[in-house]
Amino acid sequence: MLAGIHHVAIICSDYQRSRAFYCDLLGLPIIAENYRTERDSWKLDLQLPDGSQLELFSFAEPPARPSQPEACGLRHLAFRVENLSDVIATLQSANVQVEPVRVDEFTNAKFTFFADPDGLPLELYELPALPR
């Protein structure tokens, strides 16, 4: 059966802008970066700390996302963080708008939303500290 998520694929409208956002701002290391001449498309594989990956694609004139965040299909992509305040400060220092922090009514975990350069809804979800 399923063992976990291997990757999430994202299509961007401006490859260099999105590459800078995910690599430079969010700090995801590059696994591989390839240009596919036959498709006139970049494919960038990025490593997440848990071993899963993000794939960033560029395509000529991709269609816009129908609506956000309630379009049918993928609602948002959530990243687990250890310190929500630190990540928010990093995003805000780069002029990324971050929604006010909320608390999950079922888990008591803090979370917030922001968007990538194409408006893809992204979530930061802080897990409570593990007991020692």
Foldseek 3Di string as FASTA:
>chain_A
DDDDAAEAEDEDADVVQLCCCVCVLVNWDWPDWDQDVVQRKIWTWTADPVNHIYIYMYHHDDDADPDAQPDPDDNAAEDEDADPVVSVVSCVVVVWDKDDWDADPVQRWIKTWTAGPRRGIYMYTHHPDDDD
